[in-house]
Amino acid sequence: MRKSDPRLRRGLFLISPDVASVTELQKLVLPVLGSAALIQLRCKTATASARLAQAEYLRAATVDQGIPLIINDDVALALAVAADGVHLGREDGAIAVARESLGNDAIIGASCYGDFALAQSAIASGADYVAFGAVFPSPTKPLAPTAPLGLFKQASEAGMHSVAIGGITTETIDSVVDAGADMAAVISGIYDAVDPVAAAARCAGAFESHN
C-alpha cells in the first residue's frame, strides 16, 4: 500500500458539471471551488478541444487556490494539463499503466462500486483512494446499484482513503461522514441546489464538524 498522500484531505470531493464550454464551467464551478478539498473534471459529452480547454481552466484555477485537480477517465488529458492525478473506473484502464504514465507523485483513484474486494485490489495495485457508490440513488447515474455505508468503516479499518459518491446532498452528507467516508463526491447536490455556494459550504462543513 502506498503511503497516504498529504494532498488527500477529508472534505468535499467536488465534481465538475458536464457542460459544453469553459464559460459554463467557470460560471458553475468558480463560486463553489473554495469549499473543495479536491476537484475532479468529469466531462463526458464535450468535444475533445472543449475538454482540453476546461481542463486547462481548472488547472489554473486550482493552482491558484491550492486544490488538487483530478481528471476522470483520461490519463492523456491529465498529462496534457499537468493535473494532480486521474480517476479510473472499471473500464478505464489499469492502475499500474496509469501510474507508469503519470509517475509516482500522481494521485490515482479507483471506482469500486459496492465491492470491497475490488477496493483491496485497487490499493494493492497502487491506487491512492477508493470510491464507493452509489451510496444513495443518483440522478447522474440512475441505474447504478447502491453501495452499503458499512464499506467506509471497512475501508477505514484497512487504512484506505475512501470517497463516497452517488445521491449525496446537504440532507444526506452527515450520514456519509458518520459512516467513515474521508470525502464525499457531490455533483447535482451542489449545482442543482437553490444556493450552490451554501450547499458546497454545508458539505465541506460536515467533515469539519465531525473532526
N, C-alpha and C. Protein backbone atom coordinates (compact mmCIF):
# COMPACT_ATOMS: atom_id res chain seq x y z
N MET A 1 0.85 -1.20 0.00
CA MET A 1 0.00 0.00 0.00
C MET A 1 0.88 1.24 0.00
N ARG A 2 0.55 2.24 -0.84
CA ARG A 2 1.29 3.49 -0.86
C ARG A 2 1.02 4.31 0.40
N LYS A 3 2.01 5.07 0.81
CA LYS A 3 1.83 5.97 1.93
C LYS A 3 0.77 7.00 1.57
N SER A 4 -0.08 7.34 2.52
CA SER A 4 -1.17 8.28 2.27
C SER A 4 -0.64 9.61 1.75
N ASP A 5 -1.22 10.12 0.67
CA ASP A 5 -0.79 11.36 0.05
C ASP A 5 -1.33 12.54 0.87
N PRO A 6 -0.47 13.46 1.29
CA PRO A 6 -0.94 14.59 2.11
C PRO A 6 -1.92 15.50 1.39
N ARG A 7 -1.98 15.41 0.06
CA ARG A 7 -2.95 16.22 -0.68
C ARG A 7 -4.37 15.68 -0.53
N LEU A 8 -4.49 14.44 -0.07
CA LEU A 8 -5.81 13.85 0.12
C LEU A 8 -6.30 14.18 1.53
N ARG A 9 -7.07 15.25 1.61
CA ARG A 9 -7.62 15.68 2.89
C ARG A 9 -9.07 15.22 3.01
N ARG A 10 -9.59 15.23 4.20
CA ARG A 10 -11.01 14.96 4.38
C ARG A 10 -11.81 16.16 3.90
N GLY A 11 -12.96 15.90 3.29
CA GLY A 11 -13.79 17.02 2.87
C GLY A 11 -14.54 16.77 1.59
N LEU A 12 -14.91 17.86 0.95
CA LEU A 12 -15.73 17.82 -0.26
C LEU A 12 -14.88 17.48 -1.48
N PHE A 13 -15.26 16.40 -2.16
CA PHE A 13 -14.66 15.97 -3.42
C PHE A 13 -15.59 16.51 -4.51
N LEU A 14 -15.33 17.75 -4.92
CA LEU A 14 -16.20 18.41 -5.89
C LEU A 14 -16.01 17.82 -7.27
N ILE A 15 -17.10 17.51 -7.94
CA ILE A 15 -17.05 17.02 -9.32
C ILE A 15 -17.63 18.08 -10.24
N SER A 16 -16.97 18.31 -11.34
CA SER A 16 -17.43 19.35 -12.25
C SER A 16 -18.72 18.93 -12.95
N PRO A 17 -19.57 19.89 -13.31
CA PRO A 17 -20.76 19.57 -14.10
C PRO A 17 -20.36 19.25 -15.53
N ASP A 18 -21.16 18.43 -16.18
CA ASP A 18 -20.88 18.05 -17.57
C ASP A 18 -21.48 19.11 -18.49
N VAL A 19 -20.66 20.08 -18.87
CA VAL A 19 -21.12 21.20 -19.70
C VAL A 19 -20.24 21.30 -20.94
N ALA A 20 -20.68 22.11 -21.89
CA ALA A 20 -20.03 22.12 -23.21
C ALA A 20 -18.88 23.11 -23.32
N SER A 21 -18.81 24.12 -22.45
CA SER A 21 -17.83 25.18 -22.66
C SER A 21 -17.16 25.60 -21.36
N VAL A 22 -16.02 26.27 -21.52
CA VAL A 22 -15.32 26.82 -20.36
C VAL A 22 -16.17 27.87 -19.66
N THR A 23 -16.88 28.67 -20.44
CA THR A 23 -17.72 29.72 -19.84
C THR A 23 -18.75 29.14 -18.89
N GLU A 24 -19.43 28.06 -19.33
CA GLU A 24 -20.41 27.41 -18.46
C GLU A 24 -19.76 26.80 -17.24
N LEU A 25 -18.60 26.16 -17.45
CA LEU A 25 -17.89 25.56 -16.34
C LEU A 25 -17.49 26.60 -15.31
N GLN A 26 -16.92 27.68 -15.77
CA GLN A 26 -16.49 28.74 -14.86
C GLN A 26 -17.66 29.30 -14.06
N LYS A 27 -18.78 29.53 -14.73
CA LYS A 27 -19.96 30.09 -14.06
C LYS A 27 -20.43 29.21 -12.92
N LEU A 28 -20.37 27.88 -13.11
CA LEU A 28 -20.88 26.96 -12.10
C LEU A 28 -19.86 26.59 -11.04
N VAL A 29 -18.61 26.43 -11.45
CA VAL A 29 -17.60 25.90 -10.54
C VAL A 29 -16.93 26.97 -9.70
N LEU A 30 -16.59 28.10 -10.29
CA LEU A 30 -15.79 29.08 -9.57
C LEU A 30 -16.41 29.53 -8.24
N PRO A 31 -17.74 29.74 -8.16
CA PRO A 31 -18.30 30.18 -6.89
C PRO A 31 -18.19 29.16 -5.75
N VAL A 32 -18.07 27.87 -6.10
CA VAL A 32 -18.07 26.83 -5.07
C VAL A 32 -16.71 26.17 -4.88
N LEU A 33 -15.74 26.54 -5.71
CA LEU A 33 -14.45 25.84 -5.70
C LEU A 33 -13.74 25.98 -4.35
N GLY A 34 -13.91 27.10 -3.70
CA GLY A 34 -13.22 27.32 -2.44
C GLY A 34 -13.61 26.37 -1.33
N SER A 35 -14.74 25.70 -1.46
CA SER A 35 -15.17 24.74 -0.44
C SER A 35 -14.58 23.35 -0.66
N ALA A 36 -13.95 23.14 -1.80
CA ALA A 36 -13.50 21.80 -2.18
C ALA A 36 -12.14 21.45 -1.58
N ALA A 37 -12.01 20.21 -1.13
CA ALA A 37 -10.70 19.68 -0.76
C ALA A 37 -9.98 19.16 -1.99
N LEU A 38 -10.76 18.85 -3.03
CA LEU A 38 -10.25 18.29 -4.28
C LEU A 38 -11.34 18.45 -5.32
N ILE A 39 -10.97 18.61 -6.60
CA ILE A 39 -11.98 18.67 -7.65
C ILE A 39 -11.62 17.69 -8.76
N GLN A 40 -12.63 17.07 -9.31
CA GLN A 40 -12.46 16.17 -10.45
C GLN A 40 -13.17 16.75 -11.67
N LEU A 41 -12.45 16.81 -12.79
CA LEU A 41 -13.08 17.17 -14.06
C LEU A 41 -13.73 15.92 -14.63
N ARG A 42 -15.05 15.95 -14.70
CA ARG A 42 -15.81 14.84 -15.27
C ARG A 42 -16.60 15.40 -16.44
N CYS A 43 -16.10 15.15 -17.65
CA CYS A 43 -16.63 15.79 -18.85
C CYS A 43 -16.86 14.72 -19.90
N LYS A 44 -18.08 14.23 -20.00
CA LYS A 44 -18.38 13.09 -20.86
C LYS A 44 -18.86 13.48 -22.25
N THR A 45 -19.46 14.66 -22.40
CA THR A 45 -20.17 14.97 -23.64
C THR A 45 -19.52 16.07 -24.47
N ALA A 46 -18.61 16.84 -23.91
CA ALA A 46 -17.98 17.93 -24.67
C ALA A 46 -17.00 17.38 -25.70
N THR A 47 -16.67 18.20 -26.68
CA THR A 47 -15.68 17.83 -27.68
C THR A 47 -14.30 17.73 -27.03
N ALA A 48 -13.37 17.12 -27.76
CA ALA A 48 -12.01 16.97 -27.23
C ALA A 48 -11.37 18.34 -26.97
N SER A 49 -11.58 19.28 -27.87
CA SER A 49 -11.00 20.61 -27.68
C SER A 49 -11.62 21.32 -26.48
N ALA A 50 -12.93 21.12 -26.29
CA ALA A 50 -13.60 21.73 -25.13
C ALA A 50 -13.13 21.08 -23.83
N ARG A 51 -12.91 19.78 -23.86
CA ARG A 51 -12.41 19.08 -22.67
C ARG A 51 -11.03 19.63 -22.29
N LEU A 52 -10.19 19.82 -23.28
CA LEU A 52 -8.86 20.35 -23.02
C LEU A 52 -8.95 21.77 -22.45
N ALA A 53 -9.80 22.58 -23.04
CA ALA A 53 -9.94 23.95 -22.56
C ALA A 53 -10.46 23.98 -21.12
N GLN A 54 -11.42 23.10 -20.80
CA GLN A 54 -11.94 23.05 -19.44
C GLN A 54 -10.86 22.58 -18.47
N ALA A 55 -10.08 21.59 -18.89
CA ALA A 55 -9.01 21.09 -18.03
C ALA A 55 -7.96 22.16 -17.79
N GLU A 56 -7.62 22.91 -18.82
CA GLU A 56 -6.63 23.99 -18.67
C GLU A 56 -7.16 25.07 -17.73
N TYR A 57 -8.44 25.40 -17.86
CA TYR A 57 -9.02 26.39 -16.97
C TYR A 57 -8.99 25.92 -15.52
N LEU A 58 -9.41 24.67 -15.28
CA LEU A 58 -9.43 24.16 -13.92
C LEU A 58 -8.01 24.02 -13.36
N ARG A 59 -7.03 23.67 -14.21
CA ARG A 59 -5.66 23.58 -13.72
C ARG A 59 -5.20 24.92 -13.19
N ALA A 60 -5.46 26.00 -13.94
CA ALA A 60 -5.06 27.33 -13.50
C ALA A 60 -5.80 27.74 -12.23
N ALA A 61 -7.10 27.47 -12.19
CA ALA A 61 -7.90 27.87 -11.02
C ALA A 61 -7.50 27.10 -9.77
N THR A 62 -7.19 25.82 -9.92
CA THR A 62 -6.85 25.01 -8.76
C THR A 62 -5.45 25.31 -8.25
N VAL A 63 -4.53 25.63 -9.14
CA VAL A 63 -3.20 26.04 -8.70
C VAL A 63 -3.29 27.30 -7.86
N ASP A 64 -4.10 28.24 -8.31
CA ASP A 64 -4.28 29.49 -7.57
C ASP A 64 -4.80 29.26 -6.16
N GLN A 65 -5.66 28.25 -6.00
CA GLN A 65 -6.29 28.00 -4.70
C GLN A 65 -5.69 26.82 -3.94
N GLY A 66 -4.68 26.18 -4.51
CA GLY A 66 -4.04 25.07 -3.82
C GLY A 66 -4.92 23.85 -3.66
N ILE A 67 -5.74 23.58 -4.67
CA ILE A 67 -6.67 22.45 -4.64
C ILE A 67 -6.23 21.41 -5.67
N PRO A 68 -6.07 20.15 -5.31
CA PRO A 68 -5.69 19.14 -6.29
C PRO A 68 -6.75 18.97 -7.38
N LEU A 69 -6.28 18.76 -8.60
CA LEU A 69 -7.16 18.51 -9.75
C LEU A 69 -6.97 17.09 -10.23
N ILE A 70 -8.09 16.37 -10.30
CA ILE A 70 -8.12 15.01 -10.80
C ILE A 70 -8.92 14.99 -12.10
N ILE A 71 -8.45 14.26 -13.09
CA ILE A 71 -9.16 14.11 -14.36
C ILE A 71 -9.85 12.75 -14.38
N ASN A 72 -11.11 12.73 -14.75
CA ASN A 72 -11.86 11.49 -14.81
C ASN A 72 -11.56 10.74 -16.10
N ASP A 73 -11.11 9.51 -15.95
CA ASP A 73 -11.05 8.55 -17.07
C ASP A 73 -9.99 8.81 -18.15
N ASP A 74 -9.18 9.87 -18.04
CA ASP A 74 -8.38 10.26 -19.20
C ASP A 74 -6.95 10.58 -18.77
N VAL A 75 -6.08 9.58 -18.86
CA VAL A 75 -4.68 9.74 -18.46
C VAL A 75 -3.98 10.76 -19.37
N ALA A 76 -4.26 10.71 -20.67
CA ALA A 76 -3.60 11.61 -21.61
C ALA A 76 -3.95 13.07 -21.30
N LEU A 77 -5.20 13.33 -20.96
CA LEU A 77 -5.62 14.69 -20.64
C LEU A 77 -4.97 15.14 -19.33
N ALA A 78 -4.89 14.24 -18.37
CA ALA A 78 -4.22 14.57 -17.10
C ALA A 78 -2.76 14.97 -17.35
N LEU A 79 -2.10 14.24 -18.23
CA LEU A 79 -0.72 14.57 -18.58
C LEU A 79 -0.63 15.92 -19.29
N ALA A 80 -1.58 16.16 -20.18
CA ALA A 80 -1.54 17.36 -21.02
C ALA A 80 -1.62 18.64 -20.19
N VAL A 81 -2.35 18.60 -19.08
CA VAL A 81 -2.53 19.82 -18.29
C VAL A 81 -1.77 19.76 -16.96
N ALA A 82 -0.96 18.73 -16.78
CA ALA A 82 -0.21 18.54 -15.53
C ALA A 82 -1.15 18.50 -14.33
N ALA A 83 -2.23 17.75 -14.47
CA ALA A 83 -3.16 17.56 -13.36
C ALA A 83 -2.48 16.77 -12.25
N ASP A 84 -3.08 16.81 -11.07
CA ASP A 84 -2.51 16.07 -9.94
C ASP A 84 -2.73 14.57 -10.05
N GLY A 85 -3.71 14.16 -10.87
CA GLY A 85 -3.93 12.74 -10.99
C GLY A 85 -5.12 12.40 -11.84
N VAL A 86 -5.57 11.16 -11.72
CA VAL A 86 -6.63 10.63 -12.57
C VAL A 86 -7.51 9.70 -11.75
N HIS A 87 -8.78 9.65 -12.15
CA HIS A 87 -9.72 8.71 -11.53
C HIS A 87 -10.14 7.69 -12.58
N LEU A 88 -10.06 6.41 -12.23
CA LEU A 88 -10.34 5.34 -13.18
C LEU A 88 -11.53 4.50 -12.74
N GLY A 89 -12.42 4.25 -13.69
CA GLY A 89 -13.49 3.30 -13.48
C GLY A 89 -13.07 1.91 -13.90
N ARG A 90 -14.01 0.99 -13.82
CA ARG A 90 -13.70 -0.42 -14.11
C ARG A 90 -13.19 -0.62 -15.53
N GLU A 91 -13.67 0.19 -16.46
CA GLU A 91 -13.32 0.01 -17.87
C GLU A 91 -12.32 1.05 -18.37
N ASP A 92 -11.65 1.75 -17.48
CA ASP A 92 -10.83 2.89 -17.90
C ASP A 92 -9.33 2.63 -17.93
N GLY A 93 -8.94 1.38 -17.84
CA GLY A 93 -7.53 1.06 -17.91
C GLY A 93 -6.95 0.66 -16.57
N ALA A 94 -5.77 0.08 -16.62
CA ALA A 94 -5.14 -0.46 -15.42
C ALA A 94 -4.48 0.64 -14.59
N ILE A 95 -4.57 0.49 -13.29
CA ILE A 95 -3.94 1.44 -12.38
C ILE A 95 -2.43 1.46 -12.61
N ALA A 96 -1.83 0.30 -12.78
CA ALA A 96 -0.38 0.22 -12.96
C ALA A 96 0.06 0.97 -14.22
N VAL A 97 -0.72 0.91 -15.27
CA VAL A 97 -0.39 1.62 -16.51
C VAL A 97 -0.49 3.12 -16.30
N ALA A 98 -1.55 3.54 -15.60
CA ALA A 98 -1.70 4.97 -15.30
C ALA A 98 -0.54 5.46 -14.44
N ARG A 99 -0.14 4.65 -13.47
CA ARG A 99 0.98 5.04 -12.60
C ARG A 99 2.27 5.19 -13.42
N GLU A 100 2.48 4.28 -14.34
CA GLU A 100 3.68 4.36 -15.18
C GLU A 100 3.67 5.63 -16.02
N SER A 101 2.51 6.01 -16.51
CA SER A 101 2.40 7.19 -17.36
C SER A 101 2.51 8.49 -16.56
N LEU A 102 1.87 8.52 -15.41
CA LEU A 102 1.76 9.76 -14.64
C LEU A 102 2.85 9.96 -13.60
N GLY A 103 3.49 8.86 -13.21
CA GLY A 103 4.57 8.98 -12.25
C GLY A 103 4.15 8.73 -10.82
N ASN A 104 5.14 8.62 -9.95
CA ASN A 104 4.89 8.26 -8.56
C ASN A 104 4.16 9.33 -7.78
N ASP A 105 4.24 10.59 -8.22
CA ASP A 105 3.60 11.67 -7.47
C ASP A 105 2.12 11.84 -7.80
N ALA A 106 1.63 11.17 -8.82
CA ALA A 106 0.23 11.32 -9.23
C ALA A 106 -0.72 10.70 -8.20
N ILE A 107 -1.86 11.34 -8.04
CA ILE A 107 -2.95 10.78 -7.24
C ILE A 107 -3.80 9.93 -8.17
N ILE A 108 -3.97 8.68 -7.85
CA ILE A 108 -4.80 7.79 -8.67
C ILE A 108 -5.92 7.23 -7.81
N GLY A 109 -7.13 7.45 -8.29
CA GLY A 109 -8.31 6.93 -7.59
C GLY A 109 -9.01 5.89 -8.43
N ALA A 110 -9.78 5.04 -7.76
CA ALA A 110 -10.46 3.95 -8.46
C ALA A 110 -11.89 3.82 -8.00
N SER A 111 -12.81 3.69 -8.94
CA SER A 111 -14.20 3.38 -8.63
C SER A 111 -14.31 1.92 -8.23
N CYS A 112 -14.88 1.67 -7.07
CA CYS A 112 -15.00 0.29 -6.58
C CYS A 112 -16.45 -0.10 -6.33
N TYR A 113 -17.39 0.78 -6.69
CA TYR A 113 -18.81 0.49 -6.67
C TYR A 113 -19.23 0.02 -5.28
N GLY A 114 -19.70 -1.20 -5.14
CA GLY A 114 -20.04 -1.73 -3.82
C GLY A 114 -19.19 -2.92 -3.45
N ASP A 115 -17.98 -2.97 -3.99
CA ASP A 115 -17.16 -4.18 -3.92
C ASP A 115 -15.88 -3.91 -3.12
N PHE A 116 -15.83 -4.38 -1.88
CA PHE A 116 -14.65 -4.15 -1.05
C PHE A 116 -13.44 -4.91 -1.58
N ALA A 117 -13.64 -6.08 -2.14
CA ALA A 117 -12.53 -6.83 -2.72
C ALA A 117 -11.89 -6.05 -3.87
N LEU A 118 -12.71 -5.36 -4.65
CA LEU A 118 -12.19 -4.53 -5.73
C LEU A 118 -11.35 -3.39 -5.16
N ALA A 119 -11.78 -2.84 -4.04
CA ALA A 119 -11.00 -1.79 -3.38
C ALA A 119 -9.66 -2.32 -2.91
N GLN A 120 -9.66 -3.49 -2.33
CA GLN A 120 -8.40 -4.10 -1.89
C GLN A 120 -7.45 -4.30 -3.06
N SER A 121 -7.99 -4.76 -4.17
CA SER A 121 -7.18 -4.97 -5.37
C SER A 121 -6.63 -3.65 -5.90
N ALA A 122 -7.48 -2.61 -5.88
CA ALA A 122 -7.05 -1.30 -6.38
C ALA A 122 -5.92 -0.74 -5.54
N ILE A 123 -6.03 -0.83 -4.23
CA ILE A 123 -4.98 -0.33 -3.34
C ILE A 123 -3.70 -1.13 -3.55
N ALA A 124 -3.84 -2.44 -3.69
CA ALA A 124 -2.67 -3.29 -3.91
C ALA A 124 -1.98 -2.95 -5.23
N SER A 125 -2.77 -2.45 -6.19
CA SER A 125 -2.21 -2.09 -7.49
C SER A 125 -1.62 -0.69 -7.52
N GLY A 126 -1.78 0.05 -6.41
CA GLY A 126 -1.17 1.37 -6.32
C GLY A 126 -2.12 2.54 -6.29
N ALA A 127 -3.43 2.30 -6.13
CA ALA A 127 -4.37 3.41 -6.03
C ALA A 127 -4.17 4.15 -4.71
N ASP A 128 -4.43 5.45 -4.73
CA ASP A 128 -4.29 6.27 -3.53
C ASP A 128 -5.61 6.41 -2.77
N TYR A 129 -6.72 6.30 -3.48
CA TYR A 129 -8.02 6.33 -2.82
C TYR A 129 -8.99 5.44 -3.58
N VAL A 130 -10.04 5.04 -2.88
CA VAL A 130 -11.08 4.21 -3.50
C VAL A 130 -12.42 4.89 -3.31
N ALA A 131 -13.27 4.78 -4.31
CA ALA A 131 -14.59 5.40 -4.27
C ALA A 131 -15.67 4.33 -4.28
N PHE A 132 -16.61 4.45 -3.35
CA PHE A 132 -17.73 3.52 -3.27
C PHE A 132 -19.03 4.27 -3.58
N GLY A 133 -19.90 3.63 -4.35
CA GLY A 133 -21.19 4.23 -4.65
C GLY A 133 -21.84 3.57 -5.86
N ALA A 134 -23.10 3.88 -6.04
CA ALA A 134 -23.81 4.99 -5.44
C ALA A 134 -24.30 4.64 -4.03
N VAL A 135 -24.02 5.55 -3.08
CA VAL A 135 -24.46 5.30 -1.72
C VAL A 135 -25.95 5.60 -1.55
N PHE A 136 -26.46 6.49 -2.40
CA PHE A 136 -27.89 6.80 -2.46
C PHE A 136 -28.29 6.85 -3.93
N PRO A 137 -29.57 6.72 -4.24
CA PRO A 137 -29.98 6.84 -5.64
C PRO A 137 -29.47 8.15 -6.24
N SER A 138 -28.89 8.06 -7.44
CA SER A 138 -28.22 9.21 -8.02
C SER A 138 -28.87 9.64 -9.33
N PRO A 139 -29.19 10.93 -9.48
CA PRO A 139 -29.72 11.40 -10.77
C PRO A 139 -28.67 11.37 -11.87
N THR A 140 -27.38 11.41 -11.50
CA THR A 140 -26.31 11.35 -12.50
C THR A 140 -26.19 9.96 -13.09
N LYS A 141 -26.32 8.93 -12.22
CA LYS A 141 -26.27 7.54 -12.66
C LYS A 141 -27.45 6.79 -12.06
N PRO A 142 -28.64 6.97 -12.63
CA PRO A 142 -29.85 6.42 -12.01
C PRO A 142 -29.90 4.90 -11.96
N LEU A 143 -29.14 4.22 -12.79
CA LEU A 143 -29.18 2.76 -12.82
C LEU A 143 -28.07 2.12 -11.98
N ALA A 144 -27.24 2.94 -11.35
CA ALA A 144 -26.13 2.40 -10.57
C ALA A 144 -26.66 1.68 -9.32
N PRO A 145 -26.16 0.49 -9.02
CA PRO A 145 -26.55 -0.20 -7.79
C PRO A 145 -26.02 0.56 -6.58
N THR A 146 -26.72 0.47 -5.48
CA THR A 146 -26.29 1.18 -4.29
C THR A 146 -25.20 0.41 -3.55
N ALA A 147 -24.36 1.15 -2.86
CA ALA A 147 -23.26 0.59 -2.08
C ALA A 147 -23.56 0.82 -0.60
N PRO A 148 -23.41 -0.19 0.23
CA PRO A 148 -23.73 -0.04 1.65
C PRO A 148 -22.75 0.89 2.37
N LEU A 149 -23.27 1.67 3.31
CA LEU A 149 -22.44 2.60 4.05
C LEU A 149 -21.39 1.89 4.91
N GLY A 150 -21.62 0.63 5.21
CA GLY A 150 -20.67 -0.13 6.01
C GLY A 150 -19.31 -0.28 5.34
N LEU A 151 -19.25 -0.07 4.04
CA LEU A 151 -17.97 -0.18 3.32
C LEU A 151 -16.95 0.84 3.83
N PHE A 152 -17.43 1.97 4.30
CA PHE A 152 -16.49 3.02 4.71
C PHE A 152 -15.80 2.67 6.03
N LYS A 153 -16.48 1.99 6.90
CA LYS A 153 -15.84 1.51 8.13
C LYS A 153 -14.79 0.46 7.77
N GLN A 154 -15.14 -0.44 6.86
CA GLN A 154 -14.16 -1.44 6.42
C GLN A 154 -12.93 -0.77 5.82
N ALA A 155 -13.16 0.23 4.99
CA ALA A 155 -12.05 0.92 4.35
C ALA A 155 -11.17 1.62 5.39
N SER A 156 -11.80 2.26 6.34
CA SER A 156 -11.05 2.96 7.39
C SER A 156 -10.20 1.98 8.19
N GLU A 157 -10.78 0.86 8.55
CA GLU A 157 -10.05 -0.15 9.32
C GLU A 157 -8.88 -0.72 8.53
N ALA A 158 -8.98 -0.70 7.20
CA ALA A 158 -7.91 -1.21 6.34
C ALA A 158 -6.91 -0.13 5.96
N GLY A 159 -7.11 1.09 6.47
CA GLY A 159 -6.18 2.17 6.18
C GLY A 159 -6.35 2.80 4.81
N MET A 160 -7.52 2.63 4.20
CA MET A 160 -7.77 3.19 2.88
C MET A 160 -8.38 4.59 2.99
N HIS A 161 -8.04 5.45 2.06
CA HIS A 161 -8.71 6.75 1.93
C HIS A 161 -9.92 6.53 1.03
N SER A 162 -11.11 6.77 1.56
CA SER A 162 -12.33 6.41 0.83
C SER A 162 -13.16 7.63 0.47
N VAL A 163 -13.82 7.52 -0.67
CA VAL A 163 -14.69 8.56 -1.19
C VAL A 163 -16.09 7.99 -1.39
N ALA A 164 -17.09 8.67 -0.88
CA ALA A 164 -18.48 8.29 -1.11
C ALA A 164 -19.03 9.08 -2.29
N ILE A 165 -19.81 8.42 -3.13
CA ILE A 165 -20.39 9.10 -4.29
C ILE A 165 -21.78 8.56 -4.56
N GLY A 166 -22.63 9.43 -5.07
CA GLY A 166 -23.96 8.99 -5.50
C GLY A 166 -25.08 9.50 -4.62
N GLY A 167 -25.82 10.48 -5.11
CA GLY A 167 -27.01 10.95 -4.42
C GLY A 167 -26.74 11.72 -3.15
N ILE A 168 -25.53 12.22 -2.98
CA ILE A 168 -25.20 12.94 -1.74
C ILE A 168 -25.65 14.39 -1.84
N THR A 169 -26.37 14.82 -0.82
CA THR A 169 -26.91 16.18 -0.76
C THR A 169 -26.64 16.75 0.62
N THR A 170 -27.08 17.97 0.83
CA THR A 170 -26.93 18.56 2.16
C THR A 170 -27.74 17.79 3.21
N GLU A 171 -28.76 17.06 2.77
CA GLU A 171 -29.57 16.27 3.70
C GLU A 171 -28.94 14.92 4.04
N THR A 172 -28.11 14.40 3.15
CA THR A 172 -27.54 13.06 3.37
C THR A 172 -26.06 13.07 3.73
N ILE A 173 -25.42 14.23 3.66
CA ILE A 173 -23.98 14.29 3.87
C ILE A 173 -23.56 13.80 5.25
N ASP A 174 -24.35 14.08 6.28
CA ASP A 174 -23.96 13.70 7.63
C ASP A 174 -23.88 12.19 7.80
N SER A 175 -24.78 11.47 7.16
CA SER A 175 -24.76 10.01 7.30
C SER A 175 -23.52 9.42 6.63
N VAL A 176 -23.05 10.05 5.56
CA VAL A 176 -21.85 9.60 4.88
C VAL A 176 -20.61 9.85 5.75
N VAL A 177 -20.56 11.04 6.35
CA VAL A 177 -19.43 11.36 7.23
C VAL A 177 -19.44 10.45 8.45
N ASP A 178 -20.61 10.25 9.04
CA ASP A 178 -20.74 9.37 10.21
C ASP A 178 -20.30 7.95 9.89
N ALA A 179 -20.52 7.52 8.64
CA ALA A 179 -20.17 6.16 8.25
C ALA A 179 -18.66 5.96 8.12
N GLY A 180 -17.91 7.07 8.03
CA GLY A 180 -16.46 6.95 7.98
C GLY A 180 -15.82 7.33 6.66
N ALA A 181 -16.59 7.86 5.71
CA ALA A 181 -16.00 8.29 4.44
C ALA A 181 -15.05 9.46 4.68
N ASP A 182 -13.93 9.47 3.97
CA ASP A 182 -12.97 10.57 4.08
C ASP A 182 -13.36 11.74 3.21
N MET A 183 -14.06 11.47 2.13
CA MET A 183 -14.52 12.51 1.23
C MET A 183 -15.91 12.15 0.71
N ALA A 184 -16.63 13.17 0.28
CA ALA A 184 -17.93 12.96 -0.36
C ALA A 184 -17.92 13.65 -1.71
N ALA A 185 -18.13 12.88 -2.77
CA ALA A 185 -18.18 13.43 -4.12
C ALA A 185 -19.60 13.88 -4.41
N VAL A 186 -19.74 15.14 -4.80
CA VAL A 186 -21.07 15.71 -4.96
C VAL A 186 -21.15 16.42 -6.31
N ILE A 187 -22.25 16.19 -7.01
CA ILE A 187 -22.48 16.86 -8.30
C ILE A 187 -23.80 17.63 -8.21
N SER A 188 -24.92 16.94 -8.47
CA SER A 188 -26.21 17.62 -8.50
C SER A 188 -26.61 18.17 -7.14
N GLY A 189 -26.12 17.56 -6.06
CA GLY A 189 -26.44 18.06 -4.73
C GLY A 189 -25.93 19.47 -4.49
N ILE A 190 -24.98 19.90 -5.31
CA ILE A 190 -24.50 21.28 -5.24
C ILE A 190 -25.05 22.12 -6.37
N TYR A 191 -24.84 21.68 -7.61
CA TYR A 191 -25.20 22.54 -8.75
C TYR A 191 -26.71 22.71 -8.92
N ASP A 192 -27.50 21.74 -8.46
CA ASP A 192 -28.95 21.86 -8.57
C ASP A 192 -29.59 22.47 -7.33
N ALA A 193 -28.78 22.81 -6.34
CA ALA A 193 -29.31 23.40 -5.12
C ALA A 193 -29.79 24.82 -5.38
N VAL A 194 -30.70 25.27 -4.56
CA VAL A 194 -31.18 26.65 -4.66
C VAL A 194 -30.03 27.62 -4.46
N ASP A 195 -29.15 27.29 -3.53
CA ASP A 195 -27.98 28.11 -3.24
C ASP A 195 -26.74 27.22 -3.30
N PRO A 196 -26.11 27.08 -4.47
CA PRO A 196 -24.97 26.18 -4.59
C PRO A 196 -23.81 26.51 -3.65
N VAL A 197 -23.56 27.79 -3.43
CA VAL A 197 -22.46 28.18 -2.55
C VAL A 197 -22.71 27.68 -1.13
N ALA A 198 -23.94 27.85 -0.66
CA ALA A 198 -24.30 27.38 0.68
C ALA A 198 -24.26 25.85 0.75
N ALA A 199 -24.69 25.19 -0.32
CA ALA A 199 -24.68 23.72 -0.34
C ALA A 199 -23.26 23.19 -0.28
N ALA A 200 -22.35 23.80 -1.04
CA ALA A 200 -20.96 23.37 -1.02
C ALA A 200 -20.34 23.59 0.36
N ALA A 201 -20.63 24.73 0.96
CA ALA A 201 -20.10 25.02 2.29
C ALA A 201 -20.66 24.05 3.32
N ARG A 202 -21.91 23.68 3.18
CA ARG A 202 -22.55 22.73 4.10
C ARG A 202 -21.89 21.36 3.99
N CYS A 203 -21.63 20.91 2.77
CA CYS A 203 -21.00 19.60 2.58
C CYS A 203 -19.58 19.59 3.12
N ALA A 204 -18.85 20.66 2.87
CA ALA A 204 -17.49 20.77 3.40
C ALA A 204 -17.50 20.85 4.92
N GLY A 205 -18.43 21.61 5.45
CA GLY A 205 -18.51 21.81 6.89
C GLY A 205 -18.87 20.55 7.65
N ALA A 206 -19.56 19.63 7.01
CA ALA A 206 -19.93 18.38 7.68
C ALA A 206 -18.69 17.62 8.13
N PHE A 207 -17.63 17.68 7.36
CA PHE A 207 -16.40 16.99 7.72
C PHE A 207 -15.68 17.73 8.86
N GLU A 208 -15.71 19.04 8.82
CA GLU A 208 -15.06 19.83 9.88
C GLU A 208 -15.75 19.61 11.23
N SER A 209 -17.07 19.51 11.21
CA SER A 209 -17.80 19.36 12.47
C SER A 209 -17.68 17.96 13.04
N HIS A 210 -17.20 17.01 12.23
CA HIS A 210 -17.04 15.62 12.70
C HIS A 210 -15.59 15.29 13.02
N ASN A 211 -14.71 16.28 13.01
CA ASN A 211 -13.30 16.01 13.34
C ASN A 211 -13.14 15.69 14.82
